[in-house]
Protein backbone atom coordinates (compact mmCIF):
# COMPACT_ATOMS: atom_id res chain seq x y z
CA UNK A 1 1.39 12.35 13.40
CA UNK A 2 3.63 13.26 10.49
CA UNK A 3 6.85 14.21 12.29
CA UNK A 4 7.98 10.74 13.38
CA UNK A 5 7.72 11.78 17.04
CA UNK A 6 5.91 9.79 19.71
CA UNK A 7 2.31 10.92 20.22
CA UNK A 8 -1.00 9.69 21.64
CA UNK A 9 -3.36 8.71 18.80
CA UNK A 10 -6.43 8.66 21.05
CA UNK A 11 -6.38 12.45 21.37
CA UNK A 12 -10.07 13.38 21.25
CA UNK A 13 -9.79 15.85 18.36
CA UNK A 14 -7.78 13.38 16.27
CA UNK A 15 -10.18 10.58 17.09
CA UNK A 16 -13.26 12.56 16.03
CA UNK A 17 -11.62 13.55 12.73
CA UNK A 18 -10.59 9.94 12.09
CA UNK A 19 -14.14 8.70 12.71
CA UNK A 20 -15.46 11.03 10.02
CA UNK A 21 -13.09 9.56 7.43
CA UNK A 22 -13.90 6.01 8.54
CA UNK A 23 -17.61 6.69 8.03
CA UNK A 24 -16.88 7.75 4.43
CA UNK A 25 -14.73 4.63 3.91
CA UNK A 26 -17.65 2.53 5.13
CA UNK A 27 -19.75 4.13 2.36
CA UNK A 28 -17.13 3.12 -0.24
CA UNK A 29 -17.09 -0.47 1.01
CA UNK A 30 -20.91 -0.61 0.95
CA UNK A 31 -21.15 0.24 -2.76
CA UNK A 32 -22.48 -2.27 -5.26
CA UNK A 33 -20.09 -3.63 -7.92
CA UNK A 34 -22.04 -1.70 -10.57
CA UNK A 35 -21.60 1.66 -8.78
CA UNK A 36 -18.26 2.47 -10.37
CA UNK A 37 -18.82 6.21 -10.63
CA UNK A 38 -19.83 6.44 -6.97
CA UNK A 39 -16.74 4.47 -5.95
CA UNK A 40 -14.50 6.77 -7.96
CA UNK A 41 -16.10 9.89 -6.45
CA UNK A 42 -15.67 8.54 -2.92
CA UNK A 43 -12.01 7.67 -3.52
CA UNK A 44 -11.37 11.20 -4.80
CA UNK A 45 -12.90 12.53 -1.58
CA UNK A 46 -11.10 10.07 0.72
CA UNK A 47 -7.54 10.02 -0.65
CA UNK A 48 -5.05 12.87 -0.38
CA UNK A 49 -4.32 12.28 -4.09
CA UNK A 50 -5.54 9.71 -6.59
CA UNK A 51 -4.76 9.70 -10.30
CA UNK A 52 -6.82 8.65 -13.28
CA UNK A 53 -7.50 4.99 -13.98
CA UNK A 54 -7.18 3.67 -10.41
CA UNK A 55 -9.32 0.74 -9.32
CA UNK A 56 -9.60 -0.58 -5.77
CA UNK A 57 -11.60 -3.72 -5.06
CA UNK A 58 -13.64 -3.39 -1.87
CA UNK A 59 -13.24 -4.01 0.93
CA UNK A 60 -10.53 -1.41 1.48
CA UNK A 61 -9.28 -0.93 5.02
CA UNK A 62 -7.51 2.27 6.08
CA UNK A 63 -6.91 3.76 9.53
CA UNK A 64 -7.72 7.24 8.24
CA UNK A 65 -9.91 6.20 5.33
CA UNK A 66 -7.12 6.96 2.87
CA UNK A 67 -6.74 10.58 3.99
CA UNK A 68 -2.92 10.34 3.94
CA UNK A 69 -2.64 8.17 0.81
CA UNK A 70 -1.17 9.48 -2.45
CA UNK A 71 -1.87 7.22 -5.46
CA UNK A 72 -0.54 7.94 -8.93
CA UNK A 73 -2.31 6.85 -12.13
CA UNK A 74 -3.51 3.37 -13.17
CA UNK A 75 -3.09 1.68 -9.80
CA UNK A 76 -4.93 -1.58 -9.19
CA UNK A 77 -5.56 -2.97 -5.72
CA UNK A 78 -7.17 -6.35 -5.19
CA UNK A 79 -9.46 -7.28 -2.27
CA UNK A 80 -8.56 -6.40 1.34
CA UNK A 81 -5.86 -3.82 0.79
CA UNK A 82 -5.04 -2.50 4.28
CA UNK A 83 -3.47 0.95 4.48
CA UNK A 84 -2.39 1.92 7.98
CA UNK A 85 -2.28 5.54 6.84
CA UNK A 86 -1.57 7.32 10.11
CA UNK A 87 1.00 9.21 8.05
CA UNK A 88 1.66 9.41 4.31
CA UNK A 89 1.76 6.49 1.88
CA UNK A 90 3.02 7.30 -1.63
CA UNK A 91 2.41 4.92 -4.57
CA UNK A 92 3.67 5.55 -8.11
CA UNK A 93 1.85 5.06 -11.41
CA UNK A 94 0.98 1.59 -12.75
CA UNK A 95 1.55 -0.26 -9.48
CA UNK A 96 -0.48 -3.38 -8.61
CA UNK A 97 -1.41 -4.81 -5.22
CA UNK A 98 -2.39 -8.45 -4.81
CA UNK A 99 -5.11 -9.43 -2.33
CA UNK A 100 -4.55 -9.00 1.41
CA UNK A 101 -1.59 -6.62 1.19
CA UNK A 102 -0.80 -4.48 4.27
CA UNK A 103 1.05 -1.16 4.05
CA UNK A 104 1.71 0.06 7.59
CA UNK A 105 3.09 3.45 8.61
CA UNK A 106 2.38 3.16 12.35
CA UNK A 107 4.65 1.65 14.98
CA UNK A 108 4.88 1.48 18.74
CA UNK A 109 7.91 1.82 21.03
CA UNK A 110 9.55 -1.32 22.38
CA UNK A 111 9.59 0.05 25.92
CA UNK A 112 6.54 -1.52 27.65
CA UNK A 113 5.83 1.52 29.79
CA UNK A 114 5.38 3.70 26.70
CA UNK A 115 3.18 1.14 24.94
CA UNK A 116 1.07 0.83 28.07
CA UNK A 117 0.31 4.55 27.81
CA UNK A 118 -0.66 4.13 24.14
CA UNK A 119 2.21 5.96 22.47
CA UNK A 120 2.73 5.59 18.74
CA UNK A 121 5.01 6.92 16.02
CA UNK A 122 4.60 6.97 12.24
CA UNK A 123 7.02 6.74 9.32
CA UNK A 124 5.94 7.21 5.67
CA UNK A 125 6.07 4.42 3.10
CA UNK A 126 7.12 5.04 -0.52
CA UNK A 127 6.31 2.60 -3.33
CA UNK A 128 7.69 3.44 -6.76
CA UNK A 129 6.06 3.30 -10.14
CA UNK A 130 5.24 0.06 -11.97
CA UNK A 131 5.69 -2.14 -8.89
CA UNK A 132 3.88 -5.39 -8.16
CA UNK A 133 3.21 -6.12 -4.51
CA UNK A 134 2.26 -9.81 -4.25
CA UNK A 135 -0.64 -11.27 -2.30
CA UNK A 136 -0.33 -11.12 1.47
CA UNK A 137 2.81 -8.97 1.50
CA UNK A 138 3.36 -6.66 4.47
CA UNK A 139 5.30 -3.39 4.16
CA UNK A 140 6.45 -1.93 7.47
CA UNK A 141 6.84 1.73 8.51
CA UNK A 142 9.50 3.79 6.75
CA UNK A 143 10.33 1.43 3.87
CA UNK A 144 10.85 2.44 0.25
CA UNK A 145 10.23 0.10 -2.68
CA UNK A 146 12.00 1.26 -5.85
CA UNK A 147 10.52 1.57 -9.34
CA UNK A 148 9.68 -1.65 -11.20
CA UNK A 149 10.33 -3.83 -8.12
CA UNK A 150 8.33 -6.99 -7.47
CA UNK A 151 7.61 -8.08 -3.90
CA UNK A 152 6.84 -11.80 -3.68
CA UNK A 153 3.62 -13.04 -2.11
CA UNK A 154 3.74 -13.31 1.66
CA UNK A 155 6.90 -11.24 2.00
CA UNK A 156 7.48 -8.98 5.00
CA UNK A 157 9.35 -5.86 3.89
CA UNK A 158 11.41 -4.50 6.79
CA UNK A 159 14.06 -2.63 4.73
CA UNK A 160 14.21 -0.68 1.48
CA UNK A 161 13.98 -2.68 -1.77
CA UNK A 162 16.00 -1.35 -4.73
CA UNK A 163 14.45 -0.59 -8.12
CA UNK A 164 14.30 -3.31 -10.78
CA UNK A 165 14.58 -6.22 -8.35
CA UNK A 166 12.59 -9.25 -7.28
CA UNK A 167 12.49 -9.43 -3.47
CA UNK A 168 10.90 -12.23 -1.44
CA UNK A 169 10.71 -13.78 2.01
CA UNK A 170 10.49 -13.03 5.71
CA UNK A 171 12.31 -10.82 6.16
CA UNK A 172 12.12 -9.74 2.52
CA UNK A 173 15.46 -9.94 0.68
CA UNK A 174 16.47 -9.22 -2.90
CA UNK A 175 16.47 -12.50 -4.79
CA UNK A 176 17.76 -11.11 -8.08
CA UNK A 177 17.61 -8.24 -10.51
CA UNK A 178 14.88 -8.16 -13.12
CA UNK A 179 16.70 -8.54 -16.44
CA UNK A 180 17.16 -10.37 -19.74
CA UNK A 181 15.67 -13.67 -18.53
CA UNK A 182 12.44 -11.82 -17.79
CA UNK A 183 12.32 -10.50 -21.36
CA UNK A 184 12.01 -14.12 -22.57
CA UNK A 185 9.94 -15.83 -19.85
CA UNK A 186 6.87 -14.58 -17.99
CA UNK A 187 6.34 -17.53 -15.60
CA UNK A 188 8.71 -20.43 -14.94
CA UNK A 189 9.39 -22.00 -18.38
CA UNK A 190 6.56 -20.19 -20.20
CA UNK A 191 8.06 -18.12 -22.99
CA UNK A 192 6.72 -14.70 -23.95
CA UNK A 193 5.29 -14.72 -27.47
CA UNK A 194 6.24 -11.25 -28.68
CA UNK A 195 4.13 -11.57 -31.82
CA UNK A 196 0.98 -11.97 -29.74
CA UNK A 197 1.72 -9.01 -27.45
CA UNK A 198 3.20 -6.19 -29.45
């Protein structure tokens, strides 16, 4: 699963292990909004790593229940985060996910005969620290998103995105670097009032 080689994911031993994690994920998604401590305890059990101050809005969807997910500190994920965590997903501190984001590590060969037999391969995804992944974005297997990058809503990330950039579209492309303009304006022509923030 973690080597990048082709394999058969319906191997009985793998499947039984996966079902156990999916049962625990079901428990997380069935929690009440007021059961914050229970949610936190379940996430610590489910994820490979999860730092302090993380908050994930249910429902959370994950192929392995988060077993191969490594979250840093202070990560926020809005509703319907989908983590196809057949191999490792790494997310740095202070990153935010909009609703309906998909992070996929699994792929299938183009050759029809191999797909017909059910073969799959996996490639890890790396998301840096202090990133913002906009609503409905899709990150495909093997991509890296650099620190402080912003991925526009609805973007499909097929290639690496450099740090400190705004990237948008299908396929996702770097629109511009994040820079001086962004120190003055937070949205279109709306100016940042430094006196109210700092």
